[in-house]
Amino acid sequence: MGSFGWISLTTDYGTFDGFVAACHGVIARQAPDVRVIDVTHHVPPADVARGAAVLAQTAPHLPPSVHVAVVDPGVGTERRGIVIETPNGLLVGPDNGLLVWAAEALGGIESVVELTNEDWFLGDISRTFHGRDIFSPVAARLALGAPLTDAGRTVDPQSVVRLPDPVVAIGDGWIEAEVVTVDRFGNVQLAASGAMLRGLGPELLLSGSVKARRGQTFGDAGPGELIVFEDSAGRVAIAVNGGRAVVVLSVTPGDVVRIAER
């Protein structure tokens, strides 16, 4: 694919310790002219699905990049490290489902390479910090234009671990969809496409008892009222004008919310 001017980082490392800086440092030592975009380092610890959703919704808005993602509760086990090639960038990280949604958002999986070339790794590989010792140095080499096939052996794309598809169902006057993410404002994003809202009326009932209205902006609801809308990622989302929908609905990622006409 040639060289890239950008590497993105998505992790659950947080920013209170030096983990992120170490990854930046490894990249800078090998590829000092490559720019690094920090997508987030505050994925909830070990929440692979949340990391996958954030990366998938963000990567298409970045320049063609090598995307490094590390939410890796299986680090140090037999799980593979992989690179996924897409038409619009490369994805580097653990083979635990974290990368696949982003690969699909970037045009689909073209090829997959298992990271087996230890010459590309740092010398002493930690059992618990593959982000620094494997994924970052591999990303730096790829960003500089090293051939993907030099990273390891090609594997069958069908062998890549995939997360279960989120629950989405639609009927006459109702939608049921799984909570994908909750952002820092307390807005609740569902797996359903925003287009599904077009078949619903303006007055809605959430989970059988909570009144809401369909709108386009937060201002379409009065103070403290719930609004159901299509968010910037094209998903159905629920917010409270001046409040936190996650508190009102008492949901967490993985729960299913029913939206029905009232």
Protein backbone atom coordinates (compact mmCIF):
# COMPACT_ATOMS: atom_id res chain seq x y z
CA MET A 1 0.00 0.00 0.00
CA GLY A 2 3.02 2.30 0.18
CA SER A 3 3.94 4.57 3.07
CA PHE A 4 1.58 6.43 5.38
CA GLY A 5 2.01 9.80 7.01
CA TRP A 6 -0.21 8.90 9.94
CA ILE A 7 -0.60 6.35 12.72
CA SER A 8 -3.66 6.35 14.99
CA LEU A 9 -3.74 4.91 18.51
CA THR A 10 -6.84 3.56 20.29
CA THR A 11 -6.33 1.87 23.67
CA ASP A 12 -7.66 1.26 27.17
CA TYR A 13 -4.35 2.36 28.70
CA GLY A 14 -5.60 5.61 30.21
CA THR A 15 -3.34 8.63 30.55
CA PHE A 16 -2.34 8.46 34.21
CA ASP A 17 0.61 6.14 33.51
CA GLY A 18 3.35 6.11 30.90
CA PHE A 19 1.93 3.40 28.64
CA VAL A 20 0.74 5.75 25.89
CA ALA A 21 3.96 7.77 25.97
CA ALA A 22 5.98 4.56 25.57
CA CYS A 23 4.02 3.68 22.42
CA HIS A 24 4.53 7.20 21.07
CA GLY A 25 8.22 6.90 21.85
CA VAL A 26 8.67 3.59 20.05
CA ILE A 27 6.95 5.03 16.97
CA ALA A 28 8.97 8.26 17.10
CA ARG A 29 12.30 6.44 17.35
CA GLN A 30 11.56 4.45 14.21
CA ALA A 31 9.41 6.86 12.21
CA PRO A 32 10.03 10.39 13.54
CA ASP A 33 8.26 12.09 10.63
CA VAL A 34 5.05 10.07 10.94
CA ARG A 35 2.31 11.93 12.81
CA VAL A 36 0.30 10.16 15.52
CA ILE A 37 -3.39 10.76 16.20
CA ASP A 38 -4.68 9.67 19.61
CA VAL A 39 -8.24 8.49 19.02
CA THR A 40 -8.78 7.67 22.69
CA HIS A 41 -6.95 5.96 25.52
CA HIS A 42 -10.02 5.81 27.75
CA VAL A 43 -11.82 2.77 26.39
CA PRO A 44 -13.16 1.05 29.53
CA PRO A 45 -10.57 -1.54 30.58
CA ALA A 46 -10.83 -4.78 28.56
CA ASP A 47 -14.05 -3.58 26.82
CA VAL A 48 -13.24 -4.89 23.35
CA ALA A 49 -16.66 -4.08 21.90
CA ARG A 50 -16.48 -0.44 23.04
CA GLY A 51 -13.01 -0.08 21.55
CA ALA A 52 -14.18 -1.66 18.32
CA ALA A 53 -17.15 0.71 18.07
CA VAL A 54 -15.12 3.85 18.76
CA LEU A 55 -12.46 2.89 16.23
CA ALA A 56 -15.00 1.96 13.56
CA GLN A 57 -16.83 5.27 13.95
CA THR A 58 -13.62 7.34 13.92
CA ALA A 59 -11.25 5.71 11.42
CA PRO A 60 -13.19 6.71 8.27
CA HIS A 61 -12.76 10.37 9.22
CA LEU A 62 -8.96 10.12 9.54
CA PRO A 63 -6.46 10.33 6.69
CA PRO A 64 -5.28 6.95 5.33
CA SER A 65 -3.37 5.59 8.30
CA VAL A 66 -1.93 2.64 10.12
CA HIS A 67 -4.45 2.24 12.93
CA VAL A 68 -3.09 0.64 16.09
CA ALA A 69 -5.75 -0.57 18.54
CA VAL A 70 -4.99 -2.27 21.84
CA VAL A 71 -7.81 -3.44 24.09
CA ASP A 72 -6.29 -6.78 24.86
CA PRO A 73 -7.43 -8.83 27.86
CA GLY A 74 -5.82 -11.88 26.19
CA VAL A 75 -2.34 -10.35 26.00
CA GLY A 76 0.34 -12.96 26.65
CA THR A 77 -1.91 -15.89 25.69
CA GLU A 78 -2.07 -17.75 22.39
CA ARG A 79 -4.21 -15.06 20.76
CA ARG A 80 -2.63 -13.77 17.57
CA GLY A 81 -1.37 -10.34 16.71
CA ILE A 82 -2.51 -9.34 13.23
CA VAL A 83 -2.50 -6.68 10.54
CA ILE A 84 -5.66 -6.25 8.48
CA GLU A 85 -5.33 -4.62 5.08
CA THR A 86 -8.28 -2.54 3.82
CA PRO A 87 -8.69 -0.24 0.80
CA ASN A 88 -8.22 2.78 3.06
CA GLY A 89 -5.60 1.82 5.61
CA LEU A 90 -4.08 -0.86 7.79
CA LEU A 91 -5.22 -2.04 11.22
CA VAL A 92 -2.75 -3.48 13.73
CA GLY A 93 -3.64 -5.16 17.00
CA PRO A 94 -4.84 -8.33 18.72
CA ASP A 95 -7.02 -10.85 16.94
CA ASN A 96 -9.91 -10.59 19.38
CA GLY A 97 -12.55 -8.80 17.29
CA LEU A 98 -11.27 -5.32 18.04
CA LEU A 99 -10.26 -4.49 14.47
CA VAL A 100 -12.99 -6.02 12.31
CA TRP A 101 -15.73 -3.38 12.56
CA ALA A 102 -13.19 -0.69 11.64
CA ALA A 103 -11.96 -2.82 8.74
CA GLU A 104 -15.50 -3.02 7.42
CA ALA A 105 -15.91 0.75 7.85
CA LEU A 106 -12.72 1.27 5.84
CA GLY A 107 -13.97 -0.74 2.89
CA GLY A 108 -13.64 -4.35 3.99
CA ILE A 109 -10.91 -6.87 4.67
CA GLU A 110 -8.56 -7.38 1.72
CA SER A 111 -5.93 -9.52 3.45
CA VAL A 112 -4.74 -10.50 6.93
CA VAL A 113 -1.19 -11.13 8.11
CA GLU A 114 -0.28 -12.74 11.43
CA LEU A 115 2.59 -10.93 13.12
CA THR A 116 5.28 -13.60 13.22
CA ASN A 117 8.42 -11.70 12.13
CA GLU A 118 10.17 -11.15 15.44
CA ASP A 119 12.79 -8.96 13.77
CA TRP A 120 10.09 -6.29 13.67
CA PHE A 121 9.48 -6.45 17.44
CA LEU A 122 11.41 -4.77 20.24
CA GLY A 123 14.16 -6.93 21.67
CA ASP A 124 12.68 -8.08 24.98
CA ILE A 125 8.94 -8.64 24.56
CA SER A 126 6.86 -8.10 27.68
CA ARG A 127 4.08 -10.61 28.25
CA THR A 128 1.72 -7.78 29.15
CA PHE A 129 2.68 -4.81 26.95
CA HIS A 130 2.40 -5.85 23.32
CA GLY A 131 1.23 -2.34 22.45
CA ARG A 132 4.76 -1.09 23.05
CA ASP A 133 6.78 -4.16 22.10
CA ILE A 134 4.92 -5.51 19.06
CA PHE A 135 2.08 -3.36 17.70
CA SER A 136 3.82 0.05 17.81
CA PRO A 137 7.09 -1.02 16.15
CA VAL A 138 5.17 -2.99 13.52
CA ALA A 139 3.00 0.06 12.81
CA ALA A 140 6.06 2.27 12.47
CA ARG A 141 7.62 -0.04 9.87
CA LEU A 142 4.37 -0.26 7.92
CA ALA A 143 3.93 3.50 8.02
CA LEU A 144 7.38 3.84 6.46
CA GLY A 145 6.31 1.61 3.60
CA ALA A 146 7.66 -1.82 4.57
CA PRO A 147 5.82 -4.60 2.69
CA LEU A 148 2.90 -6.00 4.62
CA THR A 149 3.96 -9.56 3.82
CA ASP A 150 7.29 -8.95 5.60
CA ALA A 151 5.38 -8.63 8.89
CA GLY A 152 4.53 -12.32 8.98
CA ARG A 153 2.49 -14.99 7.31
CA THR A 154 -0.74 -14.44 5.42
CA VAL A 155 -3.77 -16.08 7.03
CA ASP A 156 -7.33 -16.75 5.93
CA PRO A 157 -9.51 -13.67 6.61
CA GLN A 158 -12.30 -16.04 7.63
CA SER A 159 -10.14 -17.17 10.57
CA VAL A 160 -10.15 -13.71 12.16
CA VAL A 161 -12.08 -13.46 15.43
CA ARG A 162 -15.32 -11.50 15.08
CA LEU A 163 -17.50 -9.98 17.76
CA PRO A 164 -21.18 -10.95 17.80
CA ASP A 165 -23.36 -8.61 15.78
CA PRO A 166 -25.30 -6.26 18.08
CA VAL A 167 -29.03 -6.95 18.49
CA VAL A 168 -31.22 -4.94 16.12
CA ALA A 169 -34.88 -5.70 15.36
CA ILE A 170 -37.61 -3.61 13.75
CA GLY A 171 -41.38 -4.01 13.55
CA ASP A 172 -44.52 -2.02 12.92
CA GLY A 173 -44.10 1.08 15.08
CA TRP A 174 -41.14 -0.17 17.13
CA ILE A 175 -37.38 -0.74 17.16
CA GLU A 176 -35.32 -2.89 19.51
CA ALA A 177 -31.58 -2.29 19.53
CA GLU A 178 -28.56 -3.00 21.68
CA VAL A 179 -26.73 -0.18 23.46
CA VAL A 180 -23.35 0.15 21.74
CA THR A 181 -21.74 3.03 23.59
CA VAL A 182 -22.44 5.72 26.18
CA ASP A 183 -20.45 8.90 25.67
CA ARG A 184 -19.10 11.23 28.34
CA PHE A 185 -22.25 13.39 28.08
CA GLY A 186 -24.41 10.41 29.03
CA ASN A 187 -25.90 10.06 25.56
CA VAL A 188 -26.86 6.48 24.72
CA GLN A 189 -25.98 5.20 21.23
CA LEU A 190 -27.82 2.17 19.87
CA ALA A 191 -26.78 -0.28 17.17
CA ALA A 192 -29.75 0.63 14.96
CA SER A 193 -29.25 2.78 11.89
CA GLY A 194 -30.68 6.28 12.14
CA ALA A 195 -32.73 5.56 9.02
CA MET A 196 -34.89 3.23 11.12
CA LEU A 197 -36.37 6.23 12.93
CA ARG A 198 -38.12 7.45 9.79
CA GLY A 199 -40.90 4.94 10.23
CA LEU A 200 -41.74 6.14 13.74
CA GLY A 201 -43.98 8.99 14.84
CA PRO A 202 -42.87 12.00 16.90
CA GLU A 203 -44.04 10.73 20.30
CA LEU A 204 -42.18 7.68 21.60
CA LEU A 205 -42.00 5.34 24.58
CA LEU A 206 -38.66 3.85 25.64
CA SER A 207 -38.43 0.45 27.33
CA GLY A 208 -42.19 0.46 27.88
CA SER A 209 -42.46 3.39 30.27
CA VAL A 210 -40.16 6.34 29.56
CA LYS A 211 -41.62 9.09 27.37
CA ALA A 212 -39.47 10.61 24.64
CA ARG A 213 -39.83 12.46 21.38
CA ARG A 214 -38.18 12.05 18.02
CA GLY A 215 -36.13 14.99 16.82
CA GLN A 216 -32.98 16.14 15.08
CA THR A 217 -31.27 18.32 17.68
CA PHE A 218 -31.12 18.49 21.46
CA GLY A 219 -33.22 21.64 21.31
CA ASP A 220 -36.15 19.70 19.86
CA ALA A 221 -36.90 18.57 23.43
CA GLY A 222 -37.69 20.71 26.43
CA PRO A 223 -35.32 20.92 29.41
CA GLY A 224 -35.08 17.51 31.05
CA GLU A 225 -36.96 15.75 28.25
CA LEU A 226 -35.66 12.74 26.34
CA ILE A 227 -35.00 12.99 22.63
CA VAL A 228 -34.36 10.16 20.16
CA PHE A 229 -32.32 11.23 17.13
CA GLU A 230 -29.80 10.17 14.50
CA ASP A 231 -26.32 10.96 15.81
CA SER A 232 -23.17 12.01 13.98
CA ALA A 233 -22.25 8.36 13.36
CA GLY A 234 -25.59 7.65 11.68
CA ARG A 235 -26.91 5.62 14.62
CA VAL A 236 -30.03 5.94 16.74
CA ALA A 237 -29.13 7.81 19.91
CA ILE A 238 -30.98 8.93 23.01
CA ALA A 239 -30.19 12.12 24.93
CA VAL A 240 -31.68 14.34 27.59
CA ASN A 241 -31.79 18.08 27.03
CA GLY A 242 -29.64 19.27 29.91
CA GLY A 243 -29.24 15.83 31.49
CA ARG A 244 -27.84 12.32 31.09
CA ALA A 245 -29.93 9.76 29.24
CA VAL A 246 -27.89 6.87 30.64
CA VAL A 247 -29.08 7.78 34.15
CA VAL A 248 -32.73 8.14 33.12
CA LEU A 249 -32.75 4.82 31.25
CA SER A 250 -30.41 3.00 33.66
CA VAL A 251 -28.68 1.07 30.86
CA THR A 252 -25.17 -0.12 30.07
CA PRO A 253 -23.59 -1.28 26.79
CA GLY A 254 -25.07 -4.62 25.82
CA ASP A 255 -28.55 -3.87 27.16
CA VAL A 256 -31.42 -3.80 24.65
CA VAL A 257 -33.68 -0.74 24.44
CA ARG A 258 -37.14 -0.85 22.86
CA ILE A 259 -38.39 2.30 21.14
CA ALA A 260 -42.10 2.30 20.33
CA GLU A 261 -44.71 4.79 19.21
CA ARG A 262 -47.11 5.92 21.92
